[in-house]
């Protein structure tokens, strides 16, 4: 069964089962550059709804908190203090 974003229930469940706390709390010293996805390789259709863009981003980047830009490891956070929206919240809609 597909939802309004044309994602199967199984695919959506896969995203909901991601342990974002584990990904977010990884030790940057234990991360290998070659294991990370390069943000330059990520392609997302701008015409998609916000929630689907988030899903497509996660699908491609694998770990939204640690990725690389060329040969640099990036540790990123996704909290807008004004709205208190977390990436996990987007997946639970």
PDB file of N, CA and C in Angstrom:
ATOM      1  N   UNK A   1       0.845  -1.191   0.000  1.00  0.00           N
ATOM      2  CA  UNK A   1       0.000   0.000   0.000  1.00  0.00           C
ATOM      3  C   UNK A   1       0.883   1.245   0.000  1.00  0.00           C
ATOM      4  N   UNK A   2       0.558   2.170  -0.846  1.00  0.00           N
ATOM      5  CA  UNK A   2       1.330   3.402  -0.960  1.00  0.00           C
ATOM      6  C   UNK A   2       0.629   4.522  -0.190  1.00  0.00           C
ATOM      7  N   UNK A   3       1.434   5.485   0.282  1.00  0.00           N
ATOM      8  CA  UNK A   3       0.861   6.647   0.958  1.00  0.00           C
ATOM      9  C   UNK A   3       0.853   7.823  -0.011  1.00  0.00           C
ATOM     10  N   UNK A   4       0.589   9.026   0.496  1.00  0.00           N
ATOM     11  CA  UNK A   4       0.483  10.184  -0.395  1.00  0.00           C
ATOM     12  C   UNK A   4       1.793  10.519  -1.094  1.00  0.00           C
ATOM     13  N   UNK A   5       2.922   9.976  -0.605  1.00  0.00           N
ATOM     14  CA  UNK A   5       4.208  10.240  -1.236  1.00  0.00           C
ATOM     15  C   UNK A   5       4.637   9.102  -2.154  1.00  0.00           C
ATOM     16  N   UNK A   6       3.739   8.161  -2.346  1.00  0.00           N
ATOM     17  CA  UNK A   6       4.002   7.021  -3.221  1.00  0.00           C
ATOM     18  C   UNK A   6       5.182   6.179  -2.732  1.00  0.00           C
ATOM     19  N   UNK A   7       5.262   6.009  -1.428  1.00  0.00           N
ATOM     20  CA  UNK A   7       6.283   5.173  -0.803  1.00  0.00           C
ATOM     21  C   UNK A   7       5.593   3.956  -0.216  1.00  0.00           C
ATOM     22  N   UNK A   8       6.160   2.809  -0.435  1.00  0.00           N
ATOM     23  CA  UNK A   8       5.539   1.608   0.110  1.00  0.00           C
ATOM     24  C   UNK A   8       5.604   1.616   1.631  1.00  0.00           C
ATOM     25  N   UNK A   9       4.682   0.905   2.237  1.00  0.00           N
ATOM     26  CA  UNK A   9       4.642   0.806   3.696  1.00  0.00           C
ATOM     27  C   UNK A   9       5.944   0.198   4.225  1.00  0.00           C
ATOM     28  N   UNK A  10       6.476  -0.774   3.518  1.00  0.00           N
ATOM     29  CA  UNK A  10       7.723  -1.423   3.925  1.00  0.00           C
ATOM     30  C   UNK A  10       8.898  -0.445   3.891  1.00  0.00           C
ATOM     31  N   UNK A  11       8.948   0.346   2.832  1.00  0.00           N
ATOM     32  CA  UNK A  11      10.030   1.327   2.717  1.00  0.00           C
ATOM     33  C   UNK A  11       9.937   2.369   3.827  1.00  0.00           C
ATOM     34  N   UNK A  12       8.742   2.820   4.103  1.00  0.00           N
ATOM     35  CA  UNK A  12       8.536   3.788   5.177  1.00  0.00           C
ATOM     36  C   UNK A  12       8.915   3.186   6.527  1.00  0.00           C
ATOM     37  N   UNK A  13       8.582   1.933   6.747  1.00  0.00           N
ATOM     38  CA  UNK A  13       8.950   1.255   8.001  1.00  0.00           C
ATOM     39  C   UNK A  13      10.467   1.147   8.135  1.00  0.00           C
ATOM     40  N   UNK A  14      11.161   0.941   7.033  1.00  0.00           N
ATOM     41  CA  UNK A  14      12.625   0.889   7.082  1.00  0.00           C
ATOM     42  C   UNK A  14      13.202   2.191   7.613  1.00  0.00           C
ATOM     43  N   UNK A  15      12.633   3.306   7.199  1.00  0.00           N
ATOM     44  CA  UNK A  15      13.101   4.598   7.682  1.00  0.00           C
ATOM     45  C   UNK A  15      12.756   4.797   9.146  1.00  0.00           C
ATOM     46  N   UNK A  16      11.583   4.362   9.532  1.00  0.00           N
ATOM     47  CA  UNK A  16      11.166   4.520  10.924  1.00  0.00           C
ATOM     48  C   UNK A  16      12.008   3.675  11.867  1.00  0.00           C
ATOM     49  N   UNK A  17      12.599   2.624  11.354  1.00  0.00           N
ATOM     50  CA  UNK A  17      13.416   1.735  12.184  1.00  0.00           C
ATOM     51  C   UNK A  17      14.866   2.176  12.299  1.00  0.00           C
ATOM     52  N   UNK A  18      15.228   3.230  11.645  1.00  0.00           N
ATOM     53  CA  UNK A  18      16.600   3.731  11.730  1.00  0.00           C
ATOM     54  C   UNK A  18      16.835   4.297  13.127  1.00  0.00           C
ATOM     55  N   UNK A  19      17.928   3.907  13.734  1.00  0.00           N
ATOM     56  CA  UNK A  19      18.275   4.414  15.062  1.00  0.00           C
ATOM     57  C   UNK A  19      19.066   5.716  14.879  1.00  0.00           C
ATOM     58  N   UNK A  20      18.335   6.825  14.839  1.00  0.00           N
ATOM     59  CA  UNK A  20      18.972   8.112  14.594  1.00  0.00           C
ATOM     60  C   UNK A  20      19.866   8.548  15.748  1.00  0.00           C
ATOM     61  N   UNK A  21      19.522   8.157  16.953  1.00  0.00           N
ATOM     62  CA  UNK A  21      20.398   8.487  18.088  1.00  0.00           C
ATOM     63  C   UNK A  21      21.752   7.823  17.933  1.00  0.00           C
ATOM     64  N   UNK A  22      21.747   6.600  17.496  1.00  0.00           N
ATOM     65  CA  UNK A  22      23.008   5.892  17.274  1.00  0.00           C
ATOM     66  C   UNK A  22      23.829   6.586  16.180  1.00  0.00           C
ATOM     67  N   UNK A  23      23.179   6.945  15.093  1.00  0.00           N
ATOM     68  CA  UNK A  23      23.876   7.628  14.002  1.00  0.00           C
ATOM     69  C   UNK A  23      24.410   8.982  14.457  1.00  0.00           C
ATOM     70  N   UNK A  24      23.592   9.702  15.197  1.00  0.00           N
ATOM     71  CA  UNK A  24      23.965  11.041  15.654  1.00  0.00           C
ATOM     72  C   UNK A  24      25.111  11.010  16.656  1.00  0.00           C
ATOM     73  N   UNK A  25      25.156   9.973  17.476  1.00  0.00           N
ATOM     74  CA  UNK A  25      26.141   9.910  18.563  1.00  0.00           C
ATOM     75  C   UNK A  25      27.391   9.111  18.226  1.00  0.00           C
ATOM     76  N   UNK A  26      27.587   8.831  16.971  1.00  0.00           N
ATOM     77  CA  UNK A  26      28.806   8.119  16.579  1.00  0.00           C
ATOM     78  C   UNK A  26      30.032   8.957  16.923  1.00  0.00           C
ATOM     79  N   UNK A  27      31.094   8.286  17.265  1.00  0.00           N
ATOM     80  CA  UNK A  27      32.355   8.958  17.570  1.00  0.00           C
ATOM     81  C   UNK A  27      33.056   9.296  16.250  1.00  0.00           C
ATOM     82  N   UNK A  28      33.249  10.563  16.018  1.00  0.00           N
ATOM     83  CA  UNK A  28      33.850  11.001  14.758  1.00  0.00           C
ATOM     84  C   UNK A  28      35.242  10.384  14.554  1.00  0.00           C
ATOM     85  N   UNK A  29      35.914  10.066  15.627  1.00  0.00           N
ATOM     86  CA  UNK A  29      37.247   9.458  15.520  1.00  0.00           C
ATOM     87  C   UNK A  29      37.197   8.011  15.042  1.00  0.00           C
ATOM     88  N   UNK A  30      36.034   7.399  15.119  1.00  0.00           N
ATOM     89  CA  UNK A  30      35.915   6.011  14.673  1.00  0.00           C
ATOM     90  C   UNK A  30      35.369   5.897  13.250  1.00  0.00           C
ATOM     91  N   UNK A  31      35.073   7.022  12.646  1.00  0.00           N
ATOM     92  CA  UNK A  31      34.489   7.027  11.307  1.00  0.00           C
ATOM     93  C   UNK A  31      35.597   7.081  10.260  1.00  0.00           C
ATOM     94  N   UNK A  32      35.449   6.219   9.273  1.00  0.00           N
ATOM     95  CA  UNK A  32      36.419   6.193   8.179  1.00  0.00           C
ATOM     96  C   UNK A  32      35.865   6.963   6.985  1.00  0.00           C
ATOM     97  N   UNK A  33      36.675   7.798   6.432  1.00  0.00           N
ATOM     98  CA  UNK A  33      36.278   8.633   5.297  1.00  0.00           C
ATOM     99  C   UNK A  33      35.687   7.794   4.166  1.00  0.00           C
ATOM    100  N   UNK A  34      36.290   6.686   3.880  1.00  0.00           N
ATOM    101  CA  UNK A  34      35.840   5.855   2.755  1.00  0.00           C
ATOM    102  C   UNK A  34      34.480   5.195   3.006  1.00  0.00           C
ATOM    103  N   UNK A  35      34.006   5.206   4.234  1.00  0.00           N
ATOM    104  CA  UNK A  35      32.693   4.630   4.544  1.00  0.00           C
ATOM    105  C   UNK A  35      31.559   5.636   4.418  1.00  0.00           C
ATOM    106  N   UNK A  36      31.901   6.887   4.222  1.00  0.00           N
ATOM    107  CA  UNK A  36      30.881   7.937   4.170  1.00  0.00           C
ATOM    108  C   UNK A  36      30.466   8.255   2.743  1.00  0.00           C
ATOM    109  N   UNK A  37      29.242   8.738   2.614  1.00  0.00           N
ATOM    110  CA  UNK A  37      28.738   9.197   1.322  1.00  0.00           C
ATOM    111  C   UNK A  37      29.125  10.659   1.129  1.00  0.00           C
ATOM    112  N   UNK A  38      29.448  11.005  -0.091  1.00  0.00           N
ATOM    113  CA  UNK A  38      29.812  12.382  -0.408  1.00  0.00           C
ATOM    114  C   UNK A  38      28.543  13.179  -0.715  1.00  0.00           C
ATOM    115  N   UNK A  39      28.375  14.296  -0.031  1.00  0.00           N
ATOM    116  CA  UNK A  39      27.193  15.137  -0.212  1.00  0.00           C
ATOM    117  C   UNK A  39      27.080  15.641  -1.649  1.00  0.00           C
ATOM    118  N   UNK A  40      28.209  15.746  -2.339  1.00  0.00           N
ATOM    119  CA  UNK A  40      28.200  16.194  -3.730  1.00  0.00           C
ATOM    120  C   UNK A  40      27.517  15.195  -4.660  1.00  0.00           C
ATOM    121  N   UNK A  41      27.383  13.969  -4.220  1.00  0.00           N
ATOM    122  CA  UNK A  41      26.761  12.930  -5.040  1.00  0.00           C
ATOM    123  C   UNK A  41      25.258  12.803  -4.808  1.00  0.00           C
ATOM    124  N   UNK A  42      24.732  13.562  -3.874  1.00  0.00           N
ATOM    125  CA  UNK A  42      23.314  13.481  -3.538  1.00  0.00           C
ATOM    126  C   UNK A  42      22.504  14.322  -4.520  1.00  0.00           C
ATOM    127  N   UNK A  43      21.454  13.718  -5.060  1.00  0.00           N
ATOM    128  CA  UNK A  43      20.568  14.422  -5.980  1.00  0.00           C
ATOM    129  C   UNK A  43      19.136  14.245  -5.513  1.00  0.00           C
ATOM    130  N   UNK A  44      18.445  15.377  -5.331  1.00  0.00           N
ATOM    131  CA  UNK A  44      17.068  15.344  -4.867  1.00  0.00           C
ATOM    132  C   UNK A  44      16.242  16.289  -5.724  1.00  0.00           C
ATOM    133  N   UNK A  45      15.114  15.804  -6.151  1.00  0.00           N
ATOM    134  CA  UNK A  45      14.186  16.578  -6.973  1.00  0.00           C
ATOM    135  C   UNK A  45      13.574  17.704  -6.139  1.00  0.00           C
ATOM    136  N   UNK A  46      13.817  18.949  -6.517  1.00  0.00           N
ATOM    137  CA  UNK A  46      13.304  20.106  -5.781  1.00  0.00           C
ATOM    138  C   UNK A  46      11.786  20.211  -5.799  1.00  0.00           C
ATOM    139  N   UNK A  47      11.151  19.549  -6.709  1.00  0.00           N
ATOM    140  CA  UNK A  47       9.695  19.647  -6.804  1.00  0.00           C
ATOM    141  C   UNK A  47       8.973  18.726  -5.809  1.00  0.00           C
ATOM    142  N   UNK A  48       9.710  17.861  -5.154  1.00  0.00           N
ATOM    143  CA  UNK A  48       9.090  16.934  -4.202  1.00  0.00           C
ATOM    144  C   UNK A  48       8.654  17.653  -2.932  1.00  0.00           C
ATOM    145  N   UNK A  49       7.658  17.114  -2.249  1.00  0.00           N
ATOM    146  CA  UNK A  49       7.269  17.674  -0.946  1.00  0.00           C
ATOM    147  C   UNK A  49       8.405  17.526   0.055  1.00  0.00           C
ATOM    148  N   UNK A  50       8.410  18.396   1.043  1.00  0.00           N
ATOM    149  CA  UNK A  50       9.484  18.426   2.041  1.00  0.00           C
ATOM    150  C   UNK A  50       9.755  17.053   2.666  1.00  0.00           C
ATOM    151  N   UNK A  51       8.716  16.378   3.117  1.00  0.00           N
ATOM    152  CA  UNK A  51       8.903  15.081   3.794  1.00  0.00           C
ATOM    153  C   UNK A  51       9.557  14.055   2.877  1.00  0.00           C
ATOM    154  N   UNK A  52       9.181  14.076   1.623  1.00  0.00           N
ATOM    155  CA  UNK A  52       9.768  13.136   0.675  1.00  0.00           C
ATOM    156  C   UNK A  52      11.215  13.495   0.364  1.00  0.00           C
ATOM    157  N   UNK A  53      11.527  14.781   0.339  1.00  0.00           N
ATOM    158  CA  UNK A  53      12.922  15.200   0.169  1.00  0.00           C
ATOM    159  C   UNK A  53      13.775  14.664   1.317  1.00  0.00           C
ATOM    160  N   UNK A  54      13.250  14.742   2.525  1.00  0.00           N
ATOM    161  CA  UNK A  54      13.980  14.222   3.688  1.00  0.00           C
ATOM    162  C   UNK A  54      14.226  12.727   3.526  1.00  0.00           C
ATOM    163  N   UNK A  55      13.204  11.990   3.130  1.00  0.00           N
ATOM    164  CA  UNK A  55      13.356  10.542   2.936  1.00  0.00           C
ATOM    165  C   UNK A  55      14.371  10.224   1.849  1.00  0.00           C
ATOM    166  N   UNK A  56      14.297  10.940   0.761  1.00  0.00           N
ATOM    167  CA  UNK A  56      15.245  10.705  -0.343  1.00  0.00           C
ATOM    168  C   UNK A  56      16.675  11.042   0.079  1.00  0.00           C
ATOM    169  N   UNK A  57      16.817  12.095   0.861  1.00  0.00           N
ATOM    170  CA  UNK A  57      18.139  12.458   1.370  1.00  0.00           C
ATOM    171  C   UNK A  57      18.700  11.342   2.250  1.00  0.00           C
ATOM    172  N   UNK A  58      17.904  10.857   3.173  1.00  0.00           N
ATOM    173  CA  UNK A  58      18.351   9.791   4.075  1.00  0.00           C
ATOM    174  C   UNK A  58      18.678   8.528   3.287  1.00  0.00           C
ATOM    175  N   UNK A  59      17.858   8.226   2.322  1.00  0.00           N
ATOM    176  CA  UNK A  59      18.083   7.041   1.496  1.00  0.00           C
ATOM    177  C   UNK A  59      19.453   7.103   0.822  1.00  0.00           C
ATOM    178  N   UNK A  60      19.842   8.257   0.358  1.00  0.00           N
ATOM    179  CA  UNK A  60      21.105   8.395  -0.362  1.00  0.00           C
ATOM    180  C   UNK A  60      22.310   8.594   0.555  1.00  0.00           C
ATOM    181  N   UNK A  61      22.151   9.377   1.603  1.00  0.00           N
ATOM    182  CA  UNK A  61      23.296   9.743   2.439  1.00  0.00           C
ATOM    183  C   UNK A  61      23.622   8.668   3.481  1.00  0.00           C
ATOM    184  N   UNK A  62      22.640   7.861   3.834  1.00  0.00           N
ATOM    185  CA  UNK A  62      22.760   6.771   4.819  1.00  0.00           C
ATOM    186  C   UNK A  62      22.837   7.285   6.257  1.00  0.00           C
ATOM    187  N   UNK A  63      23.744   8.180   6.537  1.00  0.00           N
ATOM    188  CA  UNK A  63      23.823   8.766   7.875  1.00  0.00           C
ATOM    189  C   UNK A  63      23.780  10.284   7.711  1.00  0.00           C
ATOM    190  N   UNK A  64      22.636  10.903   8.049  1.00  0.00           N
ATOM    191  CA  UNK A  64      22.512  12.349   7.825  1.00  0.00           C
ATOM    192  C   UNK A  64      23.342  13.202   8.777  1.00  0.00           C
ATOM    193  N   UNK A  65      23.952  12.598   9.771  1.00  0.00           N
ATOM    194  CA  UNK A  65      24.752  13.338  10.750  1.00  0.00           C
ATOM    195  C   UNK A  65      26.243  13.330  10.420  1.00  0.00           C
ATOM    196  N   UNK A  66      26.672  12.342   9.650  1.00  0.00           N
ATOM    197  CA  UNK A  66      28.072  12.246   9.240  1.00  0.00           C
ATOM    198  C   UNK A  66      28.124  11.912   7.753  1.00  0.00           C
ATOM    199  N   UNK A  67      28.782  12.752   7.019  1.00  0.00           N
ATOM    200  CA  UNK A  67      28.988  12.510   5.600  1.00  0.00           C
ATOM    201  C   UNK A  67      30.291  13.205   5.221  1.00  0.00           C
ATOM    202  N   UNK A  68      30.617  13.167   3.980  1.00  0.00           N
ATOM    203  CA  UNK A  68      31.856  13.848   3.571  1.00  0.00           C
ATOM    204  C   UNK A  68      31.563  14.848   2.468  1.00  0.00           C
ATOM    205  N   UNK A  69      32.447  15.821   2.374  1.00  0.00           N
ATOM    206  CA  UNK A  69      32.498  16.767   1.271  1.00  0.00           C
ATOM    207  C   UNK A  69      33.912  16.662   0.738  1.00  0.00           C
ATOM    208  N   UNK A  70      34.019  16.050  -0.410  1.00  0.00           N
ATOM    209  CA  UNK A  70      35.323  15.713  -0.974  1.00  0.00           C
ATOM    210  C   UNK A  70      36.075  14.841   0.033  1.00  0.00           C
ATOM    211  N   UNK A  71      37.146  15.333   0.622  1.00  0.00           N
ATOM    212  CA  UNK A  71      37.922  14.530   1.567  1.00  0.00           C
ATOM    213  C   UNK A  71      37.808  15.030   2.997  1.00  0.00           C
ATOM    214  N   UNK A  72      36.706  15.699   3.309  1.00  0.00           N
ATOM    215  CA  UNK A  72      36.500  16.254   4.645  1.00  0.00           C
ATOM    216  C   UNK A  72      35.270  15.606   5.282  1.00  0.00           C
ATOM    217  N   UNK A  73      35.429  15.105   6.490  1.00  0.00           N
ATOM    218  CA  UNK A  73      34.303  14.549   7.238  1.00  0.00           C
ATOM    219  C   UNK A  73      33.510  15.693   7.851  1.00  0.00           C
ATOM    220  N   UNK A  74      32.196  15.629   7.674  1.00  0.00           N
ATOM    221  CA  UNK A  74      31.294  16.654   8.200  1.00  0.00           C
ATOM    222  C   UNK A  74      30.385  16.013   9.240  1.00  0.00           C
ATOM    223  N   UNK A  75      30.286  16.645  10.387  1.00  0.00           N
ATOM    224  CA  UNK A  75      29.344  16.242  11.433  1.00  0.00           C
ATOM    225  C   UNK A  75      28.275  17.325  11.482  1.00  0.00           C
ATOM    226  N   UNK A  76      27.050  16.945  11.169  1.00  0.00           N
ATOM    227  CA  UNK A  76      25.983  17.920  11.030  1.00  0.00           C
ATOM    228  C   UNK A  76      24.868  17.666  12.033  1.00  0.00           C
ATOM    229  N   UNK A  77      24.139  18.736  12.376  1.00  0.00           N
ATOM    230  CA  UNK A  77      22.952  18.617  13.215  1.00  0.00           C
ATOM    231  C   UNK A  77      21.772  19.207  12.466  1.00  0.00           C
ATOM    232  N   UNK A  78      20.573  18.780  12.834  1.00  0.00           N
ATOM    233  CA  UNK A  78      19.365  19.182  12.120  1.00  0.00           C
ATOM    234  C   UNK A  78      18.286  19.654  13.079  1.00  0.00           C
ATOM    235  N   UNK A  79      18.600  20.624  13.868  1.00  0.00           N
ATOM    236  CA  UNK A  79      17.620  21.128  14.812  1.00  0.00           C
ATOM    237  C   UNK A  79      17.455  22.628  14.598  1.00  0.00           C
ATOM    238  N   UNK A  80      16.234  23.033  14.303  1.00  0.00           N
ATOM    239  CA  UNK A  80      15.925  24.452  14.198  1.00  0.00           C
ATOM    240  C   UNK A  80      15.354  24.870  15.549  1.00  0.00           C
ATOM    241  N   UNK A  81      16.105  25.611  16.347  1.00  0.00           N
ATOM    242  CA  UNK A  81      15.648  25.964  17.699  1.00  0.00           C
ATOM    243  C   UNK A  81      14.288  26.651  17.738  1.00  0.00           C
ATOM    244  N   UNK A  82      13.918  27.350  16.681  1.00  0.00           N
ATOM    245  CA  UNK A  82      12.633  28.042  16.666  1.00  0.00           C
ATOM    246  C   UNK A  82      11.468  27.070  16.544  1.00  0.00           C
ATOM    247  N   UNK A  83      11.697  25.962  15.868  1.00  0.00           N
ATOM    248  CA  UNK A  83      10.606  25.032  15.608  1.00  0.00           C
ATOM    249  C   UNK A  83      10.754  23.701  16.342  1.00  0.00           C
ATOM    250  N   UNK A  84      11.962  23.388  16.781  1.00  0.00           N
ATOM    251  CA  UNK A  84      12.223  22.103  17.439  1.00  0.00           C
ATOM    252  C   UNK A  84      11.757  20.913  16.607  1.00  0.00           C
ATOM    253  N   UNK A  85      12.080  20.949  15.338  1.00  0.00           N
ATOM    254  CA  UNK A  85      11.750  19.843  14.451  1.00  0.00           C
ATOM    255  C   UNK A  85      13.004  19.016  14.254  1.00  0.00           C
ATOM    256  N   UNK A  86      12.872  17.725  14.488  1.00  0.00           N
ATOM    257  CA  UNK A  86      13.985  16.812  14.324  1.00  0.00           C
ATOM    258  C   UNK A  86      13.721  15.914  13.127  1.00  0.00           C
ATOM    259  N   UNK A  87      14.766  15.399  12.555  1.00  0.00           N
ATOM    260  CA  UNK A  87      14.630  14.524  11.394  1.00  0.00           C
ATOM    261  C   UNK A  87      13.728  13.334  11.717  1.00  0.00           C
ATOM    262  N   UNK A  88      13.784  12.841  12.953  1.00  0.00           N
ATOM    263  CA  UNK A  88      12.933  11.725  13.363  1.00  0.00           C
ATOM    264  C   UNK A  88      11.454  12.090  13.277  1.00  0.00           C
ATOM    265  N   UNK A  89      11.136  13.341  13.591  1.00  0.00           N
ATOM    266  CA  UNK A  89       9.745  13.788  13.541  1.00  0.00           C
ATOM    267  C   UNK A  89       9.180  13.748  12.127  1.00  0.00           C
ATOM    268  N   UNK A  90      10.006  14.054  11.168  1.00  0.00           N
ATOM    269  CA  UNK A  90       9.559  14.052   9.777  1.00  0.00           C
ATOM    270  C   UNK A  90       9.166  12.646   9.336  1.00  0.00           C
ATOM    271  N   UNK A  91       9.829  11.662   9.869  1.00  0.00           N
ATOM    272  CA  UNK A  91       9.553  10.282   9.481  1.00  0.00           C
ATOM    273  C   UNK A  91       8.337   9.716  10.196  1.00  0.00           C
ATOM    274  N   UNK A  92       7.917  10.328  11.255  1.00  0.00           N
ATOM    275  CA  UNK A  92       6.793   9.808  12.035  1.00  0.00           C
ATOM    276  C   UNK A  92       5.475  10.464  11.671  1.00  0.00           C
ATOM    277  N   UNK A  93       5.445  11.202  10.596  1.00  0.00           N
ATOM    278  CA  UNK A  93       4.193  11.859  10.169  1.00  0.00           C
ATOM    279  C   UNK A  93       3.326  10.885   9.436  1.00  0.00           C
TER     280      UNK A  93
END
